[in-house]
N, C-alpha and C. Protein backbone atom coordinates (compact mmCIF):
# COMPACT_ATOMS: atom_id res chain seq x y z
N MET A 1 112.13 94.55 86.74
CA MET A 1 111.84 94.26 88.14
C MET A 1 110.69 95.16 88.62
N LEU A 2 109.84 94.57 89.41
CA LEU A 2 108.67 95.30 89.90
C LEU A 2 109.05 96.27 91.01
N ASP A 3 108.40 97.43 90.99
CA ASP A 3 108.63 98.46 92.00
C ASP A 3 107.50 98.35 93.04
N TYR A 4 107.73 97.47 94.04
CA TYR A 4 106.68 97.19 95.03
C TYR A 4 106.25 98.41 95.83
N PRO A 5 107.15 99.29 96.26
CA PRO A 5 106.65 100.49 96.96
C PRO A 5 105.72 101.34 96.09
N LYS A 6 106.02 101.43 94.81
CA LYS A 6 105.16 102.19 93.88
C LYS A 6 103.80 101.50 93.75
N ILE A 7 103.82 100.18 93.61
CA ILE A 7 102.57 99.41 93.51
C ILE A 7 101.74 99.58 94.78
N ASP A 8 102.41 99.53 95.92
CA ASP A 8 101.70 99.72 97.20
C ASP A 8 101.04 101.09 97.27
N SER A 9 101.75 102.14 96.83
CA SER A 9 101.18 103.49 96.90
C SER A 9 100.00 103.64 95.94
N ILE A 10 100.07 103.00 94.78
CA ILE A 10 98.94 103.05 93.84
C ILE A 10 97.73 102.35 94.44
N LEU A 11 97.94 101.17 95.02
CA LEU A 11 96.82 100.44 95.63
C LEU A 11 96.21 101.21 96.79
N ARG A 12 97.06 101.84 97.60
CA ARG A 12 96.52 102.65 98.71
C ARG A 12 95.67 103.80 98.18
N ALA A 13 96.12 104.41 97.10
CA ALA A 13 95.35 105.52 96.53
C ALA A 13 94.02 105.04 95.96
N LEU A 14 94.03 103.87 95.34
CA LEU A 14 92.82 103.37 94.68
C LEU A 14 91.80 102.76 95.63
N VAL A 15 92.19 102.56 96.87
CA VAL A 15 91.26 102.00 97.86
C VAL A 15 90.11 102.97 98.12
N GLU A 16 90.36 104.23 98.01
CA GLU A 16 89.35 105.25 98.30
C GLU A 16 88.41 105.44 97.11
N PRO A 17 87.10 105.21 97.29
CA PRO A 17 86.14 105.34 96.18
C PRO A 17 86.14 106.73 95.53
N THR A 18 86.31 107.77 96.32
CA THR A 18 86.33 109.13 95.76
C THR A 18 87.48 109.28 94.77
N ARG A 19 88.62 108.72 95.10
CA ARG A 19 89.78 108.82 94.20
C ARG A 19 89.53 108.04 92.90
N ARG A 20 88.88 106.90 93.02
CA ARG A 20 88.56 106.15 91.80
C ARG A 20 87.59 106.93 90.93
N GLN A 21 86.64 107.61 91.55
CA GLN A 21 85.68 108.43 90.80
C GLN A 21 86.39 109.61 90.14
N ILE A 22 87.34 110.19 90.82
CA ILE A 22 88.12 111.29 90.23
C ILE A 22 88.89 110.78 89.02
N LEU A 23 89.49 109.60 89.13
CA LEU A 23 90.20 109.03 87.98
C LEU A 23 89.25 108.76 86.83
N GLU A 24 88.06 108.26 87.15
CA GLU A 24 87.06 108.03 86.10
C GLU A 24 86.76 109.33 85.37
N ARG A 25 86.55 110.40 86.13
CA ARG A 25 86.26 111.71 85.51
C ARG A 25 87.44 112.17 84.66
N LEU A 26 88.65 112.03 85.16
CA LEU A 26 89.83 112.48 84.42
C LEU A 26 90.11 111.61 83.20
N SER A 27 89.59 110.41 83.17
CA SER A 27 89.79 109.56 82.00
C SER A 27 89.06 110.13 80.78
N ARG A 28 88.09 111.01 81.03
CA ARG A 28 87.36 111.67 79.93
C ARG A 28 88.06 112.95 79.48
N GLY A 29 89.08 113.38 80.21
CA GLY A 29 89.82 114.58 79.83
C GLY A 29 90.19 115.40 81.05
N PRO A 30 91.07 116.38 80.87
CA PRO A 30 91.50 117.23 81.99
C PRO A 30 90.33 117.96 82.62
N ALA A 31 90.50 118.30 83.90
CA ALA A 31 89.46 119.03 84.63
C ALA A 31 90.12 119.90 85.69
N THR A 32 89.46 120.98 86.01
CA THR A 32 89.94 121.84 87.10
C THR A 32 89.55 121.22 88.43
N VAL A 33 90.19 121.67 89.48
CA VAL A 33 89.88 121.16 90.82
C VAL A 33 88.41 121.47 91.14
N SER A 34 87.93 122.63 90.76
CA SER A 34 86.53 122.99 91.01
C SER A 34 85.59 122.03 90.30
N GLN A 35 85.90 121.68 89.06
CA GLN A 35 85.07 120.73 88.32
C GLN A 35 85.08 119.35 88.97
N LEU A 36 86.24 118.96 89.47
CA LEU A 36 86.35 117.66 90.13
C LEU A 36 85.61 117.64 91.47
N ALA A 37 85.62 118.76 92.18
CA ALA A 37 84.99 118.83 93.49
C ALA A 37 83.46 118.87 93.40
N GLU A 38 82.94 119.40 92.32
CA GLU A 38 81.50 119.64 92.18
C GLU A 38 80.60 118.46 92.53
N PRO A 39 80.82 117.26 92.00
CA PRO A 39 79.86 116.17 92.29
C PRO A 39 79.98 115.55 93.67
N PHE A 40 80.99 115.91 94.44
CA PHE A 40 81.23 115.21 95.70
C PHE A 40 80.63 115.89 96.92
N GLY A 41 80.29 117.13 96.84
CA GLY A 41 79.74 117.82 98.00
C GLY A 41 80.68 117.84 99.19
N MET A 42 81.97 117.98 98.92
CA MET A 42 82.95 118.06 99.99
C MET A 42 83.74 119.35 99.83
N THR A 43 84.47 119.67 100.85
CA THR A 43 85.23 120.92 100.80
C THR A 43 86.32 120.85 99.74
N PHE A 44 86.71 122.01 99.28
CA PHE A 44 87.78 122.14 98.31
C PHE A 44 89.06 121.52 98.88
N ALA A 45 89.30 121.74 100.17
CA ALA A 45 90.50 121.20 100.83
C ALA A 45 90.49 119.67 100.83
N ALA A 46 89.34 119.06 101.04
CA ALA A 46 89.24 117.60 101.05
C ALA A 46 89.53 117.04 99.66
N VAL A 47 89.01 117.69 98.63
CA VAL A 47 89.28 117.25 97.26
C VAL A 47 90.77 117.39 96.96
N LEU A 48 91.37 118.48 97.42
CA LEU A 48 92.81 118.67 97.20
C LEU A 48 93.63 117.56 97.85
N GLN A 49 93.21 117.09 99.01
CA GLN A 49 93.92 115.98 99.65
C GLN A 49 93.84 114.71 98.80
N HIS A 50 92.68 114.43 98.23
CA HIS A 50 92.55 113.27 97.35
C HIS A 50 93.44 113.43 96.11
N LEU A 51 93.45 114.63 95.55
CA LEU A 51 94.27 114.88 94.38
C LEU A 51 95.76 114.75 94.69
N GLN A 52 96.16 115.21 95.87
CA GLN A 52 97.57 115.08 96.28
C GLN A 52 97.96 113.61 96.40
N ALA A 53 97.06 112.79 96.92
CA ALA A 53 97.36 111.36 97.05
C ALA A 53 97.50 110.72 95.66
N LEU A 54 96.63 111.09 94.74
CA LEU A 54 96.70 110.55 93.38
C LEU A 54 97.95 111.04 92.65
N GLU A 55 98.33 112.27 92.91
CA GLU A 55 99.53 112.82 92.27
C GLU A 55 100.80 112.24 92.87
N ALA A 56 100.79 112.01 94.17
CA ALA A 56 101.98 111.47 94.85
C ALA A 56 102.35 110.09 94.35
N CYS A 57 101.35 109.29 93.97
CA CYS A 57 101.66 107.93 93.49
C CYS A 57 101.80 107.88 91.97
N GLY A 58 101.65 109.03 91.32
CA GLY A 58 101.91 109.10 89.89
C GLY A 58 100.73 108.78 88.99
N LEU A 59 99.51 108.77 89.53
CA LEU A 59 98.34 108.48 88.70
C LEU A 59 97.84 109.70 87.95
N ILE A 60 98.04 110.88 88.53
CA ILE A 60 97.63 112.12 87.86
C ILE A 60 98.75 113.13 87.96
N ARG A 61 98.61 114.20 87.18
CA ARG A 61 99.51 115.34 87.34
C ARG A 61 98.65 116.59 87.26
N SER A 62 99.14 117.64 87.84
CA SER A 62 98.38 118.89 87.82
C SER A 62 99.32 120.05 87.52
N GLU A 63 98.72 121.10 87.00
CA GLU A 63 99.48 122.32 86.76
C GLU A 63 98.59 123.49 87.14
N LYS A 64 99.25 124.50 87.67
CA LYS A 64 98.51 125.68 88.10
C LYS A 64 98.88 126.83 87.17
N ILE A 65 97.85 127.39 86.56
CA ILE A 65 98.03 128.56 85.71
C ILE A 65 97.17 129.66 86.30
N GLY A 66 97.83 130.66 86.83
CA GLY A 66 97.11 131.72 87.54
C GLY A 66 96.52 131.15 88.82
N ARG A 67 95.21 131.26 88.93
CA ARG A 67 94.54 130.74 90.12
C ARG A 67 93.85 129.41 89.86
N VAL A 68 94.02 128.86 88.67
CA VAL A 68 93.30 127.65 88.29
C VAL A 68 94.26 126.47 88.21
N ARG A 69 93.95 125.42 88.97
CA ARG A 69 94.73 124.18 88.93
C ARG A 69 93.95 123.15 88.08
N THR A 70 94.64 122.65 87.05
CA THR A 70 94.03 121.67 86.15
C THR A 70 94.73 120.33 86.33
N CYS A 71 93.94 119.27 86.41
CA CYS A 71 94.47 117.92 86.61
C CYS A 71 94.21 117.08 85.38
N ARG A 72 95.09 116.13 85.16
CA ARG A 72 94.93 115.17 84.05
C ARG A 72 95.54 113.85 84.44
N ILE A 73 95.09 112.80 83.78
CA ILE A 73 95.64 111.46 83.99
C ILE A 73 97.10 111.46 83.57
N GLU A 74 97.94 110.80 84.33
CA GLU A 74 99.35 110.64 83.97
C GLU A 74 99.48 109.40 83.10
N PRO A 75 99.88 109.57 81.84
CA PRO A 75 100.04 108.38 80.99
C PRO A 75 101.05 107.42 81.62
N GLY A 76 100.68 106.19 81.67
CA GLY A 76 101.57 105.18 82.26
C GLY A 76 101.52 105.12 83.77
N GLY A 77 100.65 105.89 84.39
CA GLY A 77 100.57 105.89 85.85
C GLY A 77 100.17 104.55 86.44
N LEU A 78 99.36 103.81 85.71
CA LEU A 78 98.92 102.50 86.18
C LEU A 78 99.84 101.37 85.72
N ALA A 79 100.88 101.70 84.97
CA ALA A 79 101.78 100.67 84.41
C ALA A 79 102.39 99.76 85.48
N PRO A 80 102.89 100.27 86.60
CA PRO A 80 103.46 99.36 87.61
C PRO A 80 102.43 98.34 88.12
N LEU A 81 101.21 98.78 88.31
CA LEU A 81 100.15 97.89 88.78
C LEU A 81 99.77 96.89 87.68
N ALA A 82 99.69 97.36 86.45
CA ALA A 82 99.38 96.47 85.32
C ALA A 82 100.47 95.41 85.16
N ASP A 83 101.73 95.79 85.35
CA ASP A 83 102.84 94.83 85.26
C ASP A 83 102.72 93.77 86.36
N TRP A 84 102.37 94.21 87.56
CA TRP A 84 102.23 93.29 88.68
C TRP A 84 101.10 92.29 88.40
N ILE A 85 99.99 92.79 87.88
CA ILE A 85 98.85 91.92 87.56
C ILE A 85 99.23 90.94 86.45
N ALA A 86 99.93 91.42 85.44
CA ALA A 86 100.34 90.57 84.32
C ALA A 86 101.24 89.43 84.79
N GLU A 87 102.13 89.73 85.72
CA GLU A 87 103.02 88.69 86.23
C GLU A 87 102.26 87.60 86.99
N ARG A 88 101.13 87.92 87.54
CA ARG A 88 100.31 86.92 88.23
C ARG A 88 99.35 86.23 87.27
N ARG A 89 98.91 86.95 86.25
CA ARG A 89 97.94 86.42 85.31
C ARG A 89 98.56 85.35 84.40
N ILE A 90 99.76 85.57 83.93
CA ILE A 90 100.38 84.65 82.98
C ILE A 90 100.53 83.23 83.55
N PRO A 91 101.09 83.05 84.75
CA PRO A 91 101.15 81.68 85.29
C PRO A 91 99.76 81.07 85.52
N ALA A 92 98.82 81.87 85.95
CA ALA A 92 97.46 81.35 86.17
C ALA A 92 96.85 80.91 84.85
N GLU A 93 97.08 81.68 83.78
CA GLU A 93 96.55 81.29 82.48
C GLU A 93 97.20 80.00 81.98
N ARG A 94 98.48 79.84 82.25
CA ARG A 94 99.15 78.60 81.85
C ARG A 94 98.54 77.40 82.56
N HIS A 95 98.26 77.56 83.85
CA HIS A 95 97.63 76.47 84.60
C HIS A 95 96.25 76.15 84.03
N LEU A 96 95.50 77.18 83.70
CA LEU A 96 94.17 76.96 83.13
C LEU A 96 94.26 76.31 81.75
N ASP A 97 95.26 76.73 80.96
CA ASP A 97 95.46 76.10 79.65
C ASP A 97 95.76 74.61 79.81
N ARG A 98 96.62 74.30 80.75
CA ARG A 98 96.98 72.89 80.99
C ARG A 98 95.76 72.11 81.47
N LEU A 99 94.97 72.71 82.35
CA LEU A 99 93.74 72.07 82.81
C LEU A 99 92.81 71.81 81.63
N GLY A 100 92.69 72.78 80.73
CA GLY A 100 91.87 72.61 79.54
C GLY A 100 92.36 71.46 78.68
N GLU A 101 93.68 71.32 78.54
CA GLU A 101 94.24 70.21 77.77
C GLU A 101 93.90 68.87 78.41
N ILE A 102 94.04 68.80 79.73
CA ILE A 102 93.73 67.56 80.44
C ILE A 102 92.26 67.20 80.29
N LEU A 103 91.39 68.20 80.43
CA LEU A 103 89.95 67.95 80.29
C LEU A 103 89.61 67.53 78.87
N ALA A 104 90.27 68.12 77.88
CA ALA A 104 90.03 67.74 76.49
C ALA A 104 90.47 66.30 76.25
N GLU A 105 91.60 65.91 76.83
CA GLU A 105 92.07 64.53 76.70
C GLU A 105 91.08 63.57 77.35
N THR A 106 90.55 63.95 78.49
CA THR A 106 89.57 63.12 79.19
C THR A 106 88.29 62.99 78.37
N ASP A 107 87.85 64.09 77.76
CA ASP A 107 86.64 64.05 76.93
C ASP A 107 86.85 63.15 75.73
N GLN A 108 88.02 63.17 75.14
CA GLN A 108 88.29 62.34 73.96
C GLN A 108 88.34 60.86 74.32
N SER A 109 88.80 60.54 75.50
CA SER A 109 88.89 59.13 75.90
C SER A 109 87.56 58.59 76.43
N SER A 110 86.66 59.43 76.82
CA SER A 110 85.38 59.00 77.38
C SER A 110 84.57 58.14 76.42
N PRO A 111 84.40 58.47 75.15
CA PRO A 111 83.61 57.60 74.25
C PRO A 111 84.21 56.20 74.13
N LYS A 112 85.51 56.07 74.16
CA LYS A 112 86.15 54.76 74.07
C LYS A 112 85.77 53.91 75.28
N VAL A 113 85.78 54.53 76.44
CA VAL A 113 85.43 53.80 77.66
C VAL A 113 83.97 53.37 77.59
N GLN A 114 83.09 54.26 77.11
CA GLN A 114 81.67 53.93 77.02
C GLN A 114 81.45 52.80 76.01
N ASP A 115 82.16 52.85 74.86
CA ASP A 115 82.03 51.78 73.86
C ASP A 115 82.50 50.45 74.43
N GLN A 116 83.55 50.48 75.20
CA GLN A 116 84.11 49.26 75.78
C GLN A 116 83.12 48.69 76.80
N GLU A 117 82.47 49.56 77.58
CA GLU A 117 81.50 49.10 78.55
C GLU A 117 80.32 48.42 77.86
N LYS A 118 79.88 48.96 76.71
CA LYS A 118 78.79 48.38 75.95
C LYS A 118 79.18 46.98 75.43
N ASP A 119 80.44 46.87 74.95
CA ASP A 119 80.92 45.58 74.44
C ASP A 119 80.97 44.54 75.55
N ASP A 120 81.35 44.97 76.75
CA ASP A 120 81.44 44.05 77.88
C ASP A 120 80.06 43.55 78.30
N GLN A 121 79.03 44.34 78.11
CA GLN A 121 77.68 43.97 78.51
C GLN A 121 77.06 42.98 77.55
N THR A 122 77.49 42.95 76.31
CA THR A 122 76.88 42.04 75.34
C THR A 122 77.51 40.70 75.31
C-alpha cells in the first residue's frame, strides 16, 4: 500500500530547485554542509533549512562528528515516489500497448482495402 503522506512530503521537498541541486550533489557522494552551501551563495542557516527538509522526508541523512555535519543520500529514500509513479505507469503502458495492437491490426488490413478498391475500379 502506498504511503501518501510520505509521497506528499517527498514531492514538497523536491519542488524547491535548491533541494534538487543538493540531491544532485549528494548523488556523487557524501558532502559536508559547508561543501553543499558553497555553490549557492546563501547563509549556512538557509542551507541547513533545506537539508532539514530533505532529511525530514527521508531523502538524505546526516551525521555530526565533532563540529562537522556530513550528509549523504538515503538509500531507498525515493522508493515511495518511485512506487507511486510505477503504479500509474503500468496501466498507461497497457493502454499504449493495446493502442499499438489496434494500430497494427489497422495497418495489416489497409492493403486489403486498397486492393479491393483497385478491383472495384477495373
